[in-house]
Structure formats: structure tokens, C-alpha cells
Amino acid sequence: MHTSRQWIEHFRNNLRYHRINWDLEPSITPKETAAILRSMQAWQLGETSDGHNLLRAVAKYAHRHNDPDYIAAMTLFIKEEQKHGENLGRYLDRIGQPRIKKDWGDTLFRRVRGFNTSMEMWTLAVITVESAAQIYYQALKDATYCVLLKQICRDILIDEACHITFQTERMSIIFEQKSPVGKMLCGQLYRLFFFGTALTVWIGHHRLLKAGGNTYKGYMRKMYFKYIKTLHRITHPKPVPQAAFI
């Protein structure tokens, strides 16, 4: 388990890495563009949130738990997410395609976020979306031969792995503060939310996911394994073997 101060250092250090060679010319084909463009535009829009509502919940939570470093850590996390959106937008600019201003999926999530003031629900949402994002960016990477786009996806995938750890550690802290009954109820809520969101992502982005080699069954199987590694591991911790006490 890392402290908020350690996460601040991680995010600051990660800003120093430049894994994308922007001197490369995009080499995406018309066929690839047809399969992924609309989805990529919608996903890029979703990555551009200013994080205002999230930071409001973070500040409330941090003050209650005397963890001011958590605000700085989350601010850097949001900055890294915005970098992803800007890199996708820059790529769209390079291939002469517009950055869209509206998408039904983004509108839905933004409206839900606007009503959310719970750190627990925010963390649950981020874990779920970041898990789907790992599958999404791997599919985008596999759906093209464009080296520049592959580098963008690889950079994001490296960041996302740490993002999930960052959020999962926080969710574990939140979950452990619950009563036994609260844990039982929230475990069911987490599962329902996770797979409901996974289905929404498939509906909105199935064409790109398929272009990257995913069937619906295969995609949901990947999401299941991500659920096991994150939320299920929190709600159903493995008992410590007796041998550990010898």
C-alpha cells in the first residue's frame, strides 16, 4: 500500500517520460479509419474532463481523513488523464479529423458525475472505466499499423496500469472502514456497477473493440478478469494461510 505522498512522487516522475515520437507521420489507412474514427473521437472527448466534480469530492474526503496529499495526488492523476485526451486530440488533428464536442456516452457519464459527491462512488467509477480503458487502448493499438497511434496507445497503457493500482488501493481503504453488513451490500453494488458499465462501453465502442480482435464474449471475459483483480480482491480478500502464523 502506497501513501499519497508516494503517489505524488510517482506521477511527477512519470511526467518526465516522453514515449511518443511526434516527428512520425501518421500512416493510418482509410479502412482502419472507418473502423475506429468515431469511437476514438468519442473516447477522446471523454478524456478531456477538467475533473472539477471529482476534485470537489476528493477535497471533502481528504479533509475528513486528514490526508491533504491525496488532493495533490489526484490532481496529478487527472492531469495525466488529460494528457491522454490531448494526445488523442493531437493525433486527430494530424490526420485531419475533428475533435467532436458531443457524444451520448460522454453526456451520460458527465451527468452522472455531476450528481456524485461520494469518494467511494467516484473511485468505483474510475476503477471500472480504467479497466475498460485498458482493453480499449489495447484494441485500438491492435486495430492499426500506424506506428504513431500505436505509440500513443502504448504510452496510455503504461499510465493506466498504475492508475488502477492507485484507485484500487484507495477503494481498499474505503471498503475496510465499513461494517460487515455494509461490506456485503457494497460488494453486490460494485459488481452490478462494474458489469453494467462494461456493457455500456461495449454498446458504444463495439466496432473498434471488434476491429482490435475482441468478440463480445471475449471482451466480457477480459472485464471479468479485471474485476477479479480489482474489486473482487477487495471485497473477498483471501484468508491468510495458517502456515503464515507458524
C-alpha atoms as a PDB file:
ATOM      1  CA  MET A   1       0.000   0.000   0.000  1.00  0.00           C
ATOM      2  CA  HIS A   2       1.457   3.341  -1.089  1.00  0.00           C
ATOM      3  CA  THR A   3       0.981   6.658   0.700  1.00  0.00           C
ATOM      4  CA  SER A   4      -0.461   9.702  -1.048  1.00  0.00           C
ATOM      5  CA  ARG A   5       2.992  11.292  -0.900  1.00  0.00           C
ATOM      6  CA  GLN A   6       4.472   8.303  -2.738  1.00  0.00           C
ATOM      7  CA  TRP A   7       1.817   8.625  -5.433  1.00  0.00           C
ATOM      8  CA  ILE A   8       2.647  12.305  -5.840  1.00  0.00           C
ATOM      9  CA  GLU A   9       6.256  11.346  -6.487  1.00  0.00           C
ATOM     10  CA  HIS A  10       5.205   8.651  -8.947  1.00  0.00           C
ATOM     11  CA  PHE A  11       3.040  10.993 -11.010  1.00  0.00           C
ATOM     12  CA  ARG A  12       5.686  13.714 -11.009  1.00  0.00           C
ATOM     13  CA  ASN A  13       8.355  11.276 -12.152  1.00  0.00           C
ATOM     14  CA  ASN A  14       6.109   9.850 -14.846  1.00  0.00           C
ATOM     15  CA  LEU A  15       5.658  13.311 -16.351  1.00  0.00           C
ATOM     16  CA  ARG A  16       9.339  13.215 -17.311  1.00  0.00           C
ATOM     17  CA  TYR A  17       8.896  10.311 -19.703  1.00  0.00           C
ATOM     18  CA  HIS A  18       8.192  11.092 -23.357  1.00  0.00           C
ATOM     19  CA  ARG A  19       7.297   7.850 -25.091  1.00  0.00           C
ATOM     20  CA  ILE A  20       5.752   9.298 -28.264  1.00  0.00           C
ATOM     21  CA  ASN A  21       7.772  10.399 -31.285  1.00  0.00           C
ATOM     22  CA  TRP A  22       5.663  13.198 -32.734  1.00  0.00           C
ATOM     23  CA  ASP A  23       8.071  13.533 -35.642  1.00  0.00           C
ATOM     24  CA  LEU A  24       6.491  10.390 -37.090  1.00  0.00           C
ATOM     25  CA  GLU A  25       3.894  10.863 -39.811  1.00  0.00           C
ATOM     26  CA  PRO A  26       0.510   9.177 -39.266  1.00  0.00           C
ATOM     27  CA  SER A  27       0.104   6.149 -41.542  1.00  0.00           C
ATOM     28  CA  ILE A  28      -3.436   5.093 -40.765  1.00  0.00           C
ATOM     29  CA  THR A  29      -5.311   3.591 -43.720  1.00  0.00           C
ATOM     30  CA  PRO A  30      -8.826   4.543 -44.870  1.00  0.00           C
ATOM     31  CA  LYS A  31     -10.068   1.092 -43.825  1.00  0.00           C
ATOM     32  CA  GLU A  32      -8.619   1.471 -40.335  1.00  0.00           C
ATOM     33  CA  THR A  33     -10.029   4.979 -40.068  1.00  0.00           C
ATOM     34  CA  ALA A  34     -13.514   3.793 -40.972  1.00  0.00           C
ATOM     35  CA  ALA A  35     -13.421   1.179 -38.225  1.00  0.00           C
ATOM     36  CA  ILE A  36     -12.051   3.281 -35.363  1.00  0.00           C
ATOM     37  CA  LEU A  37     -12.569   7.004 -36.020  1.00  0.00           C
ATOM     38  CA  ARG A  38     -15.984   7.607 -34.477  1.00  0.00           C
ATOM     39  CA  SER A  39     -15.111   5.643 -31.365  1.00  0.00           C
ATOM     40  CA  MET A  40     -11.739   7.349 -31.000  1.00  0.00           C
ATOM     41  CA  GLN A  41     -13.361  10.763 -31.290  1.00  0.00           C
ATOM     42  CA  ALA A  42     -15.893   9.876 -28.578  1.00  0.00           C
ATOM     43  CA  TRP A  43     -13.235   8.422 -26.287  1.00  0.00           C
ATOM     44  CA  GLN A  44     -11.017  11.465 -26.785  1.00  0.00           C
ATOM     45  CA  LEU A  45     -13.893  13.686 -25.691  1.00  0.00           C
ATOM     46  CA  GLY A  46     -14.342  11.579 -22.572  1.00  0.00           C
ATOM     47  CA  GLU A  47     -10.675  12.040 -21.656  1.00  0.00           C
ATOM     48  CA  THR A  48     -10.959  15.840 -21.634  1.00  0.00           C
ATOM     49  CA  SER A  49     -12.851  16.309 -18.358  1.00  0.00           C
ATOM     50  CA  ASP A  50     -11.454  19.045 -16.116  1.00  0.00           C
ATOM     51  CA  GLY A  51     -12.093  16.847 -13.070  1.00  0.00           C
ATOM     52  CA  HIS A  52     -13.895  19.626 -11.180  1.00  0.00           C
ATOM     53  CA  ASN A  53     -16.563  17.401  -9.618  1.00  0.00           C
ATOM     54  CA  LEU A  54     -14.054  14.687  -8.759  1.00  0.00           C
ATOM     55  CA  LEU A  55     -11.702  17.146  -7.047  1.00  0.00           C
ATOM     56  CA  ARG A  56     -14.622  18.508  -5.027  1.00  0.00           C
ATOM     57  CA  ALA A  57     -15.267  15.010  -3.663  1.00  0.00           C
ATOM     58  CA  VAL A  58     -11.541  14.449  -3.147  1.00  0.00           C
ATOM     59  CA  ALA A  59     -11.150  17.652  -1.123  1.00  0.00           C
ATOM     60  CA  LYS A  60     -14.083  16.732   1.110  1.00  0.00           C
ATOM     61  CA  TYR A  61     -12.712  13.228   1.662  1.00  0.00           C
ATOM     62  CA  ALA A  62      -9.118  14.372   2.227  1.00  0.00           C
ATOM     63  CA  HIS A  63     -10.093  16.961   4.819  1.00  0.00           C
ATOM     64  CA  ARG A  64     -12.238  14.434   6.672  1.00  0.00           C
ATOM     65  CA  HIS A  65      -9.377  11.911   6.797  1.00  0.00           C
ATOM     66  CA  ASN A  66      -6.536  14.412   7.277  1.00  0.00           C
ATOM     67  CA  ASP A  67      -4.792  13.420   4.040  1.00  0.00           C
ATOM     68  CA  PRO A  68      -4.073  16.670   2.179  1.00  0.00           C
ATOM     69  CA  ASP A  69      -1.510  14.919  -0.035  1.00  0.00           C
ATOM     70  CA  TYR A  70      -4.355  12.936  -1.573  1.00  0.00           C
ATOM     71  CA  ILE A  71      -5.665  16.121  -3.204  1.00  0.00           C
ATOM     72  CA  ALA A  72      -2.310  16.749  -4.872  1.00  0.00           C
ATOM     73  CA  ALA A  73      -2.020  13.101  -5.937  1.00  0.00           C
ATOM     74  CA  MET A  74      -5.472  13.109  -7.501  1.00  0.00           C
ATOM     75  CA  THR A  75      -4.784  16.422  -9.227  1.00  0.00           C
ATOM     76  CA  LEU A  76      -1.725  14.865 -10.873  1.00  0.00           C
ATOM     77  CA  PHE A  77      -3.762  11.786 -11.778  1.00  0.00           C
ATOM     78  CA  ILE A  78      -6.330  13.985 -13.545  1.00  0.00           C
ATOM     79  CA  LYS A  79      -3.538  15.835 -15.321  1.00  0.00           C
ATOM     80  CA  GLU A  80      -2.250  12.522 -16.645  1.00  0.00           C
ATOM     81  CA  GLU A  81      -5.730  11.594 -17.885  1.00  0.00           C
ATOM     82  CA  GLN A  82      -5.980  14.950 -19.628  1.00  0.00           C
ATOM     83  CA  LYS A  83      -2.634  14.213 -21.302  1.00  0.00           C
ATOM     84  CA  HIS A  84      -4.237  11.113 -22.816  1.00  0.00           C
ATOM     85  CA  GLY A  85      -7.092  13.177 -24.193  1.00  0.00           C
ATOM     86  CA  GLU A  86      -4.734  15.800 -25.588  1.00  0.00           C
ATOM     87  CA  ASN A  87      -2.554  13.172 -27.276  1.00  0.00           C
ATOM     88  CA  LEU A  88      -5.580  11.571 -28.917  1.00  0.00           C
ATOM     89  CA  GLY A  89      -6.778  15.022 -29.952  1.00  0.00           C
ATOM     90  CA  ARG A  90      -3.388  15.883 -31.377  1.00  0.00           C
ATOM     91  CA  TYR A  91      -3.474  12.684 -33.395  1.00  0.00           C
ATOM     92  CA  LEU A  92      -6.947  13.539 -34.729  1.00  0.00           C
ATOM     93  CA  ASP A  93      -5.581  16.939 -35.739  1.00  0.00           C
ATOM     94  CA  ARG A  94      -2.664  15.289 -37.531  1.00  0.00           C
ATOM     95  CA  ILE A  95      -4.965  13.082 -39.622  1.00  0.00           C
ATOM     96  CA  GLY A  96      -7.309  15.958 -40.431  1.00  0.00           C
ATOM     97  CA  GLN A  97     -10.256  14.746 -38.368  1.00  0.00           C
ATOM     98  CA  PRO A  98     -12.300  16.918 -35.975  1.00  0.00           C
ATOM     99  CA  ARG A  99     -12.428  16.702 -32.215  1.00  0.00           C
ATOM    100  CA  ILE A 100     -16.114  16.233 -31.515  1.00  0.00           C
ATOM    101  CA  LYS A 101     -17.950  18.282 -28.892  1.00  0.00           C
ATOM    102  CA  LYS A 102     -20.792  15.926 -28.019  1.00  0.00           C
ATOM    103  CA  ASP A 103     -21.367  12.179 -27.659  1.00  0.00           C
ATOM    104  CA  TRP A 104     -24.222  10.326 -25.974  1.00  0.00           C
ATOM    105  CA  GLY A 105     -21.935   8.186 -23.818  1.00  0.00           C
ATOM    106  CA  ASP A 106     -19.892  11.141 -22.649  1.00  0.00           C
ATOM    107  CA  THR A 107     -23.056  13.141 -21.934  1.00  0.00           C
ATOM    108  CA  LEU A 108     -24.451  10.280 -19.841  1.00  0.00           C
ATOM    109  CA  PHE A 109     -21.308   9.882 -17.772  1.00  0.00           C
ATOM    110  CA  ARG A 110     -20.892  13.622 -17.249  1.00  0.00           C
ATOM    111  CA  ARG A 111     -24.461  13.944 -15.960  1.00  0.00           C
ATOM    112  CA  VAL A 112     -23.981  11.066 -13.556  1.00  0.00           C
ATOM    113  CA  ARG A 113     -20.678  12.528 -12.360  1.00  0.00           C
ATOM    114  CA  GLY A 114     -22.308  15.876 -11.745  1.00  0.00           C
ATOM    115  CA  PHE A 115     -24.563  14.379  -9.073  1.00  0.00           C
ATOM    116  CA  ASN A 116     -21.842  12.299  -7.447  1.00  0.00           C
ATOM    117  CA  THR A 117     -20.198  13.640  -4.283  1.00  0.00           C
ATOM    118  CA  SER A 118     -19.145  10.277  -2.836  1.00  0.00           C
ATOM    119  CA  MET A 119     -15.452   9.382  -2.904  1.00  0.00           C
ATOM    120  CA  GLU A 120     -16.441   5.724  -2.851  1.00  0.00           C
ATOM    121  CA  MET A 121     -18.600   6.005  -5.957  1.00  0.00           C
ATOM    122  CA  TRP A 122     -16.026   8.128  -7.736  1.00  0.00           C
ATOM    123  CA  THR A 123     -13.337   5.548  -7.036  1.00  0.00           C
ATOM    124  CA  LEU A 124     -15.617   2.730  -8.140  1.00  0.00           C
ATOM    125  CA  ALA A 125     -16.362   4.562 -11.388  1.00  0.00           C
ATOM    126  CA  VAL A 126     -12.709   5.287 -12.116  1.00  0.00           C
ATOM    127  CA  ILE A 127     -11.622   1.691 -11.448  1.00  0.00           C
ATOM    128  CA  THR A 128     -14.337   0.445 -13.793  1.00  0.00           C
ATOM    129  CA  VAL A 129     -13.660   2.893 -16.614  1.00  0.00           C
ATOM    130  CA  GLU A 130      -9.881   2.475 -16.330  1.00  0.00           C
ATOM    131  CA  SER A 131     -10.296  -1.303 -16.541  1.00  0.00           C
ATOM    132  CA  ALA A 132     -12.340  -0.904 -19.725  1.00  0.00           C
ATOM    133  CA  ALA A 133      -9.780   1.617 -20.992  1.00  0.00           C
ATOM    134  CA  GLN A 134      -7.013  -0.969 -20.792  1.00  0.00           C
ATOM    135  CA  ILE A 135      -8.966  -3.246 -23.119  1.00  0.00           C
ATOM    136  CA  TYR A 136      -9.989  -0.315 -25.304  1.00  0.00           C
ATOM    137  CA  TYR A 137      -6.472   1.041 -25.896  1.00  0.00           C
ATOM    138  CA  GLN A 138      -5.061  -2.413 -26.498  1.00  0.00           C
ATOM    139  CA  ALA A 139      -7.800  -2.938 -29.103  1.00  0.00           C
ATOM    140  CA  LEU A 140      -7.034   0.450 -30.680  1.00  0.00           C
ATOM    141  CA  LYS A 141      -3.348  -0.453 -30.783  1.00  0.00           C
ATOM    142  CA  ASP A 142      -4.134  -3.798 -32.426  1.00  0.00           C
ATOM    143  CA  ALA A 143      -6.580  -2.267 -34.915  1.00  0.00           C
ATOM    144  CA  THR A 144      -3.941  -0.224 -36.760  1.00  0.00           C
ATOM    145  CA  TYR A 145      -0.481  -0.485 -38.287  1.00  0.00           C
ATOM    146  CA  CYS A 146       0.139   3.231 -37.700  1.00  0.00           C
ATOM    147  CA  VAL A 147       3.290   3.439 -35.567  1.00  0.00           C
ATOM    148  CA  LEU A 148       2.414   6.858 -34.158  1.00  0.00           C
ATOM    149  CA  LEU A 149      -1.010   5.729 -32.983  1.00  0.00           C
ATOM    150  CA  LYS A 150       0.499   2.563 -31.521  1.00  0.00           C
ATOM    151  CA  GLN A 151       2.964   4.682 -29.530  1.00  0.00           C
ATOM    152  CA  ILE A 152       0.117   6.827 -28.197  1.00  0.00           C
ATOM    153  CA  CYS A 153      -1.750   3.715 -27.088  1.00  0.00           C
ATOM    154  CA  ARG A 154       1.343   2.192 -25.502  1.00  0.00           C
ATOM    155  CA  ASP A 155       2.009   5.374 -23.516  1.00  0.00           C
ATOM    156  CA  ILE A 156      -1.571   5.377 -22.226  1.00  0.00           C
ATOM    157  CA  LEU A 157      -1.497   1.675 -21.337  1.00  0.00           C
ATOM    158  CA  ILE A 158       1.649   2.190 -19.250  1.00  0.00           C
ATOM    159  CA  ASP A 159      -0.061   5.005 -17.355  1.00  0.00           C
ATOM    160  CA  GLU A 160      -3.332   3.110 -16.891  1.00  0.00           C
ATOM    161  CA  ALA A 161      -1.713   0.169 -15.112  1.00  0.00           C
ATOM    162  CA  CYS A 162      -0.577   2.485 -12.311  1.00  0.00           C
ATOM    163  CA  HIS A 163      -3.873   4.378 -12.350  1.00  0.00           C
ATOM    164  CA  ILE A 164      -5.760   1.201 -11.485  1.00  0.00           C
ATOM    165  CA  THR A 165      -3.356   0.426  -8.641  1.00  0.00           C
ATOM    166  CA  PHE A 166      -3.741   3.992  -7.333  1.00  0.00           C
ATOM    167  CA  GLN A 167      -7.538   3.770  -7.313  1.00  0.00           C
ATOM    168  CA  THR A 168      -7.714   0.177  -6.067  1.00  0.00           C
ATOM    169  CA  GLU A 169      -5.581   0.990  -3.042  1.00  0.00           C
ATOM    170  CA  ARG A 170      -7.910   3.855  -2.159  1.00  0.00           C
ATOM    171  CA  MET A 171     -11.000   1.693  -2.605  1.00  0.00           C
ATOM    172  CA  SER A 172      -9.498  -0.902  -0.280  1.00  0.00           C
ATOM    173  CA  ILE A 173      -9.082   1.763   2.414  1.00  0.00           C
ATOM    174  CA  ILE A 174     -12.674   2.939   1.966  1.00  0.00           C
ATOM    175  CA  PHE A 175     -14.094  -0.583   1.946  1.00  0.00           C
ATOM    176  CA  GLU A 176     -12.261  -1.685   5.100  1.00  0.00           C
ATOM    177  CA  GLN A 177     -13.937   1.099   7.088  1.00  0.00           C
ATOM    178  CA  LYS A 178     -17.387  -0.419   6.503  1.00  0.00           C
ATOM    179  CA  SER A 179     -19.428  -2.643   8.788  1.00  0.00           C
ATOM    180  CA  PRO A 180     -19.860  -6.318   7.841  1.00  0.00           C
ATOM    181  CA  VAL A 181     -23.349  -5.616   6.507  1.00  0.00           C
ATOM    182  CA  GLY A 182     -22.099  -2.583   4.602  1.00  0.00           C
ATOM    183  CA  LYS A 183     -19.368  -4.673   3.030  1.00  0.00           C
ATOM    184  CA  MET A 184     -21.860  -7.299   1.911  1.00  0.00           C
ATOM    185  CA  LEU A 185     -24.207  -4.756   0.324  1.00  0.00           C
ATOM    186  CA  CYS A 186     -21.448  -2.731  -1.323  1.00  0.00           C
ATOM    187  CA  GLY A 187     -19.829  -5.851  -2.745  1.00  0.00           C
ATOM    188  CA  GLN A 188     -23.010  -6.512  -4.701  1.00  0.00           C
ATOM    189  CA  LEU A 189     -23.270  -2.859  -5.761  1.00  0.00           C
ATOM    190  CA  TYR A 190     -19.682  -2.837  -7.021  1.00  0.00           C
ATOM    191  CA  ARG A 191     -20.271  -5.913  -9.164  1.00  0.00           C
ATOM    192  CA  LEU A 192     -23.514  -4.555 -10.634  1.00  0.00           C
ATOM    193  CA  PHE A 193     -21.946  -1.201 -11.457  1.00  0.00           C
ATOM    194  CA  PHE A 194     -18.790  -2.731 -12.934  1.00  0.00           C
ATOM    195  CA  PHE A 195     -20.517  -5.039 -15.371  1.00  0.00           C
ATOM    196  CA  GLY A 196     -23.293  -2.560 -16.189  1.00  0.00           C
ATOM    197  CA  THR A 197     -20.642  -0.033 -17.184  1.00  0.00           C
ATOM    198  CA  ALA A 198     -18.733  -2.706 -19.105  1.00  0.00           C
ATOM    199  CA  LEU A 199     -21.857  -3.395 -21.151  1.00  0.00           C
ATOM    200  CA  THR A 200     -22.346   0.335 -21.817  1.00  0.00           C
ATOM    201  CA  VAL A 201     -18.761   0.604 -23.103  1.00  0.00           C
ATOM    202  CA  TRP A 202     -19.335  -2.357 -25.434  1.00  0.00           C
ATOM    203  CA  ILE A 203     -22.534  -0.814 -26.817  1.00  0.00           C
ATOM    204  CA  GLY A 204     -20.784   2.480 -27.505  1.00  0.00           C
ATOM    205  CA  HIS A 205     -17.474   1.145 -28.818  1.00  0.00           C
ATOM    206  CA  HIS A 206     -18.059  -2.393 -30.097  1.00  0.00           C
ATOM    207  CA  ARG A 207     -16.950  -1.579 -33.624  1.00  0.00           C
ATOM    208  CA  LEU A 208     -13.479  -0.505 -32.535  1.00  0.00           C
ATOM    209  CA  LEU A 209     -13.241  -3.306 -29.990  1.00  0.00           C
ATOM    210  CA  LYS A 210     -14.082  -5.803 -32.727  1.00  0.00           C
ATOM    211  CA  ALA A 211     -11.528  -4.204 -35.059  1.00  0.00           C
ATOM    212  CA  GLY A 212      -8.963  -4.865 -32.336  1.00  0.00           C
ATOM    213  CA  GLY A 213      -9.831  -8.555 -32.215  1.00  0.00           C
ATOM    214  CA  ASN A 214     -12.498  -8.701 -29.497  1.00  0.00           C
ATOM    215  CA  THR A 215     -15.784 -10.553 -29.601  1.00  0.00           C
ATOM    216  CA  TYR A 216     -18.469  -9.630 -27.071  1.00  0.00           C
ATOM    217  CA  LYS A 217     -17.767 -12.826 -25.148  1.00  0.00           C
ATOM    218  CA  GLY A 218     -14.025 -12.238 -25.238  1.00  0.00           C
ATOM    219  CA  TYR A 219     -14.397  -8.622 -24.127  1.00  0.00           C
ATOM    220  CA  MET A 220     -16.623  -9.547 -21.185  1.00  0.00           C
ATOM    221  CA  ARG A 221     -14.218 -12.301 -20.204  1.00  0.00           C
ATOM    222  CA  LYS A 222     -11.385  -9.758 -20.083  1.00  0.00           C
ATOM    223  CA  MET A 223     -13.537  -7.441 -17.989  1.00  0.00           C
ATOM    224  CA  TYR A 224     -14.335 -10.325 -15.654  1.00  0.00           C
ATOM    225  CA  PHE A 225     -10.644 -10.969 -15.034  1.00  0.00           C
ATOM    226  CA  LYS A 226     -10.084  -7.267 -14.398  1.00  0.00           C
ATOM    227  CA  TYR A 227     -12.939  -7.312 -11.906  1.00  0.00           C
ATOM    228  CA  ILE A 228     -11.353 -10.269 -10.107  1.00  0.00           C
ATOM    229  CA  LYS A 229      -8.004  -8.437  -9.906  1.00  0.00           C
ATOM    230  CA  THR A 230      -9.531  -5.218  -8.552  1.00  0.00           C
ATOM    231  CA  LEU A 231     -12.918  -5.050  -6.853  1.00  0.00           C
ATOM    232  CA  HIS A 232     -13.365  -8.750  -6.101  1.00  0.00           C
ATOM    233  CA  ARG A 233      -9.923  -8.842  -4.500  1.00  0.00           C
ATOM    234  CA  ILE A 234     -11.041  -6.012  -2.219  1.00  0.00           C
ATOM    235  CA  THR A 235     -14.456  -7.423  -1.307  1.00  0.00           C
ATOM    236  CA  HIS A 236     -13.268 -11.039  -0.993  1.00  0.00           C
ATOM    237  CA  PRO A 237      -9.735 -10.887   0.427  1.00  0.00           C
ATOM    238  CA  LYS A 238      -8.007 -14.226   0.653  1.00  0.00           C
ATOM    239  CA  PRO A 239      -7.650 -15.553   4.209  1.00  0.00           C
ATOM    240  CA  VAL A 240      -4.088 -15.713   5.496  1.00  0.00           C
ATOM    241  CA  PRO A 241      -2.909 -19.373   5.476  1.00  0.00           C
ATOM    242  CA  GLN A 242      -2.373 -20.898   8.922  1.00  0.00           C
ATOM    243  CA  ALA A 243       1.235 -21.596   7.993  1.00  0.00           C
ATOM    244  CA  ALA A 244       1.847 -17.842   7.991  1.00  0.00           C
ATOM    245  CA  PHE A 245       1.347 -17.783  11.769  1.00  0.00           C
ATOM    246  CA  ILE A 246       3.875 -20.572  12.498  1.00  0.00           C
END
